[in-house]
């Protein structure tokens, strides 16, 4: 308890120094918080851009494509699959 009392007295011995350090710490914390928020926003925006422009939300491909990744593996009847999805979307509107 005595150590806390001495520390408290020392803080207020030079108030201008204490307030300067307090202000600098607050500015540093605000800058760190803004930097983290900017970084997280940048990552989220990049993630959304990749989904919207390159990958899409879903991928539909031949089950054998997963195993070997060959381009010649394509869907046999893509129109049948598209019709199925269109029916599904109409039912869920």
C-alpha atoms as a PDB file:
ATOM      1  CA  UNK A   1       0.000   0.000   0.000  1.00  0.00           C
ATOM      2  CA  UNK A   2       2.862   2.328   0.783  1.00  0.00           C
ATOM      3  CA  UNK A   3       4.314   1.786  -2.702  1.00  0.00           C
ATOM      4  CA  UNK A   4       1.037   2.847  -4.330  1.00  0.00           C
ATOM      5  CA  UNK A   5       0.906   5.948  -2.150  1.00  0.00           C
ATOM      6  CA  UNK A   6       4.460   6.945  -3.123  1.00  0.00           C
ATOM      7  CA  UNK A   7       3.732   6.296  -6.819  1.00  0.00           C
ATOM      8  CA  UNK A   8       0.561   8.382  -6.697  1.00  0.00           C
ATOM      9  CA  UNK A   9       2.420  11.263  -5.055  1.00  0.00           C
ATOM     10  CA  UNK A  10       5.191  11.021  -7.667  1.00  0.00           C
ATOM     11  CA  UNK A  11       2.667  11.204 -10.529  1.00  0.00           C
ATOM     12  CA  UNK A  12       1.255  14.487  -9.288  1.00  0.00           C
ATOM     13  CA  UNK A  13       4.618  16.001  -8.313  1.00  0.00           C
ATOM     14  CA  UNK A  14       5.178  17.160 -11.884  1.00  0.00           C
ATOM     15  CA  UNK A  15       1.699  17.555 -13.371  1.00  0.00           C
ATOM     16  CA  UNK A  16       2.785  18.906 -16.762  1.00  0.00           C
ATOM     17  CA  UNK A  17       4.997  15.851 -17.369  1.00  0.00           C
ATOM     18  CA  UNK A  18       2.257  13.490 -16.229  1.00  0.00           C
ATOM     19  CA  UNK A  19      -0.380  15.142 -18.419  1.00  0.00           C
ATOM     20  CA  UNK A  20       1.983  15.184 -21.412  1.00  0.00           C
ATOM     21  CA  UNK A  21       2.656  11.466 -21.045  1.00  0.00           C
ATOM     22  CA  UNK A  22      -1.059  10.778 -20.590  1.00  0.00           C
ATOM     23  CA  UNK A  23      -1.908  12.735 -23.760  1.00  0.00           C
ATOM     24  CA  UNK A  24       0.850  11.000 -25.753  1.00  0.00           C
ATOM     25  CA  UNK A  25      -0.390   7.584 -24.604  1.00  0.00           C
ATOM     26  CA  UNK A  26      -3.971   8.479 -25.605  1.00  0.00           C
ATOM     27  CA  UNK A  27      -2.810   9.672 -29.036  1.00  0.00           C
ATOM     28  CA  UNK A  28      -0.787   6.485 -29.490  1.00  0.00           C
ATOM     29  CA  UNK A  29      -3.729   4.291 -28.545  1.00  0.00           C
ATOM     30  CA  UNK A  30      -6.037   6.200 -30.891  1.00  0.00           C
ATOM     31  CA  UNK A  31      -3.520   5.871 -33.736  1.00  0.00           C
ATOM     32  CA  UNK A  32      -3.112   2.137 -33.086  1.00  0.00           C
ATOM     33  CA  UNK A  33      -6.885   1.661 -33.003  1.00  0.00           C
ATOM     34  CA  UNK A  34      -7.352   3.583 -36.254  1.00  0.00           C
ATOM     35  CA  UNK A  35      -4.524   1.651 -37.886  1.00  0.00           C
ATOM     36  CA  UNK A  36      -6.050  -1.677 -36.866  1.00  0.00           C
ATOM     37  CA  UNK A  37      -9.504  -0.604 -38.062  1.00  0.00           C
ATOM     38  CA  UNK A  38      -8.086   0.538 -41.396  1.00  0.00           C
ATOM     39  CA  UNK A  39      -6.179  -2.718 -41.799  1.00  0.00           C
ATOM     40  CA  UNK A  40      -9.206  -4.862 -40.958  1.00  0.00           C
ATOM     41  CA  UNK A  41     -11.374  -2.847 -43.356  1.00  0.00           C
ATOM     42  CA  UNK A  42      -8.782  -3.225 -46.091  1.00  0.00           C
ATOM     43  CA  UNK A  43      -8.633  -7.004 -45.605  1.00  0.00           C
ATOM     44  CA  UNK A  44     -12.442  -7.306 -45.588  1.00  0.00           C
ATOM     45  CA  UNK A  45     -12.758  -5.193 -48.740  1.00  0.00           C
ATOM     46  CA  UNK A  46     -10.096  -7.262 -50.503  1.00  0.00           C
ATOM     47  CA  UNK A  47     -11.886 -10.454 -49.484  1.00  0.00           C
ATOM     48  CA  UNK A  48     -15.190  -9.143 -50.876  1.00  0.00           C
ATOM     49  CA  UNK A  49     -13.524  -8.037 -54.114  1.00  0.00           C
ATOM     50  CA  UNK A  50     -12.005 -11.468 -54.649  1.00  0.00           C
ATOM     51  CA  UNK A  51     -15.399 -13.121 -54.135  1.00  0.00           C
ATOM     52  CA  UNK A  52     -17.251 -10.697 -56.397  1.00  0.00           C
ATOM     53  CA  UNK A  53     -14.747 -10.484 -59.246  1.00  0.00           C
ATOM     54  CA  UNK A  54     -12.777 -13.721 -59.335  1.00  0.00           C
ATOM     55  CA  UNK A  55     -14.141 -16.685 -57.405  1.00  0.00           C
ATOM     56  CA  UNK A  56     -17.852 -16.064 -56.827  1.00  0.00           C
ATOM     57  CA  UNK A  57     -19.782 -17.279 -53.837  1.00  0.00           C
ATOM     58  CA  UNK A  58     -20.049 -20.860 -55.028  1.00  0.00           C
ATOM     59  CA  UNK A  59     -18.258 -23.101 -57.474  1.00  0.00           C
ATOM     60  CA  UNK A  60     -19.905 -25.947 -59.340  1.00  0.00           C
ATOM     61  CA  UNK A  61     -17.682 -28.461 -61.048  1.00  0.00           C
ATOM     62  CA  UNK A  62     -17.343 -32.116 -61.873  1.00  0.00           C
ATOM     63  CA  UNK A  63     -16.621 -34.226 -58.749  1.00  0.00           C
ATOM     64  CA  UNK A  64     -13.556 -35.717 -60.462  1.00  0.00           C
ATOM     65  CA  UNK A  65     -12.100 -32.228 -60.945  1.00  0.00           C
ATOM     66  CA  UNK A  66     -11.440 -32.044 -57.194  1.00  0.00           C
ATOM     67  CA  UNK A  67      -9.113 -35.031 -57.375  1.00  0.00           C
ATOM     68  CA  UNK A  68      -6.963 -34.177 -60.381  1.00  0.00           C
ATOM     69  CA  UNK A  69      -7.745 -30.539 -61.254  1.00  0.00           C
ATOM     70  CA  UNK A  70      -7.771 -31.224 -64.978  1.00  0.00           C
ATOM     71  CA  UNK A  71      -9.514 -28.631 -67.110  1.00  0.00           C
ATOM     72  CA  UNK A  72     -11.070 -31.173 -69.457  1.00  0.00           C
ATOM     73  CA  UNK A  73     -13.256 -32.377 -66.559  1.00  0.00           C
ATOM     74  CA  UNK A  74     -16.466 -30.497 -67.251  1.00  0.00           C
ATOM     75  CA  UNK A  75     -20.116 -30.886 -66.357  1.00  0.00           C
ATOM     76  CA  UNK A  76     -21.950 -33.271 -68.664  1.00  0.00           C
ATOM     77  CA  UNK A  77     -25.289 -31.431 -68.781  1.00  0.00           C
ATOM     78  CA  UNK A  78     -24.806 -27.886 -67.507  1.00  0.00           C
ATOM     79  CA  UNK A  79     -28.181 -26.682 -68.825  1.00  0.00           C
ATOM     80  CA  UNK A  80     -30.004 -29.264 -66.715  1.00  0.00           C
ATOM     81  CA  UNK A  81     -28.138 -28.024 -63.653  1.00  0.00           C
ATOM     82  CA  UNK A  82     -28.898 -24.393 -64.489  1.00  0.00           C
ATOM     83  CA  UNK A  83     -32.599 -25.170 -64.897  1.00  0.00           C
ATOM     84  CA  UNK A  84     -32.586 -26.844 -61.503  1.00  0.00           C
ATOM     85  CA  UNK A  85     -31.049 -23.755 -59.900  1.00  0.00           C
ATOM     86  CA  UNK A  86     -33.490 -21.430 -61.653  1.00  0.00           C
ATOM     87  CA  UNK A  87     -36.413 -23.497 -60.310  1.00  0.00           C
ATOM     88  CA  UNK A  88     -34.890 -23.379 -56.826  1.00  0.00           C
ATOM     89  CA  UNK A  89     -34.438 -19.611 -56.980  1.00  0.00           C
ATOM     90  CA  UNK A  90     -38.026 -19.071 -58.165  1.00  0.00           C
ATOM     91  CA  UNK A  91     -39.385 -21.176 -55.318  1.00  0.00           C
ATOM     92  CA  UNK A  92     -37.442 -19.231 -52.697  1.00  0.00           C
ATOM     93  CA  UNK A  93     -38.489 -15.750 -53.795  1.00  0.00           C
END
